[in-house]
Protein backbone atom coordinates (compact mmCIF):
# COMPACT_ATOMS: atom_id res chain seq x y z
CA MET A 1 -7.85 -3.77 13.15
CA ARG A 2 -4.88 -1.25 12.96
CA ALA A 3 -2.14 -1.76 10.69
CA ASP A 4 1.22 -1.11 12.51
CA SER A 5 2.65 0.19 9.34
CA VAL A 6 1.54 0.64 5.48
CA GLU A 7 4.09 0.89 2.59
CA VAL A 8 3.64 1.44 -1.08
CA SER A 9 6.50 0.72 -3.43
CA TRP A 10 7.23 0.22 -6.89
CA ASP A 11 7.98 -3.44 -8.16
CA ALA A 12 10.01 -3.64 -11.26
CA ASP A 13 9.70 -6.93 -11.83
CA LYS A 14 5.96 -6.84 -11.84
CA SER A 15 5.71 -3.42 -13.46
CA ASN A 16 2.92 -2.35 -10.60
CA TRP A 17 2.91 -0.68 -7.11
CA LEU A 18 3.13 -3.02 -4.09
CA VAL A 19 1.01 -2.14 -0.86
CA ARG A 20 2.60 -4.05 2.20
CA ILE A 21 0.48 -4.06 5.38
CA ALA A 22 2.20 -5.05 8.73
CA SER A 23 0.15 -5.96 11.60
CA GLY A 24 2.26 -7.45 14.43
CA GLU A 25 3.81 -10.40 12.59
CA GLU A 26 1.80 -10.47 9.80
CA VAL A 27 2.43 -8.83 6.56
CA ILE A 28 -0.05 -8.91 3.87
CA ARG A 29 1.29 -8.01 0.14
CA ARG A 30 -1.46 -6.61 -2.44
CA ARG A 31 -0.74 -5.30 -5.96
CA CYS A 32 -1.95 -1.94 -6.84
CA HIS A 33 -2.57 -1.35 -10.35
CA VAL A 34 -2.33 2.54 -10.99
CA PRO A 35 0.32 4.03 -13.58
CA LYS A 36 3.97 4.27 -12.53
CA ASN A 37 4.17 7.93 -12.45
CA ALA A 38 0.76 8.46 -10.39
CA ASP A 39 0.70 11.38 -8.07
CA GLU A 40 1.19 11.03 -4.26
CA GLN A 41 -2.40 11.50 -3.61
CA THR A 42 -3.27 9.09 -6.06
CA LEU A 43 -1.29 6.40 -4.47
CA ARG A 44 -2.32 6.95 -0.91
CA SER A 45 -6.05 6.89 -1.88
CA ALA A 46 -5.40 3.32 -3.81
CA ALA A 47 -3.33 2.22 -0.79
CA GLN A 48 -5.91 3.38 1.82
CA GLN A 49 -8.52 1.81 -0.05
CA THR A 50 -6.65 -1.72 -0.12
CA VAL A 51 -5.90 -1.45 3.52
CA LYS A 52 -9.59 -0.85 4.03
CA ASP A 53 -10.52 -3.69 1.76
CA GLU A 54 -8.07 -6.30 3.91
CA GLY A 55 -10.14 -4.90 7.05
CA TYR A 56 -7.34 -2.65 8.39
CA ASP A 57 -6.95 1.31 9.23
CA ALA A 58 -3.64 3.07 9.03
CA GLU A 59 -3.00 6.77 9.92
CA VAL A 60 0.15 6.84 8.25
CA ILE A 61 1.19 5.14 4.58
CA SER A 62 4.65 5.62 3.71
CA ILE A 63 5.67 5.74 -0.17
CA HIS A 64 8.72 4.77 -1.30
CA ARG A 65 9.57 5.75 -5.52
């Protein structure tokens, strides 16, 4: 299935990255345990793996620091 949008953002309360996968009305949130100062490629790779693990694929991944 194709995800409508994928966003990665830092969750200061939990001190880890949050991957938000939206597909229609369904929104899946998963934690991603990479360092806060990880580079963009590392974040994209981790988010892509999370998306794949959930059974989706995505072309665009937005990163909000």
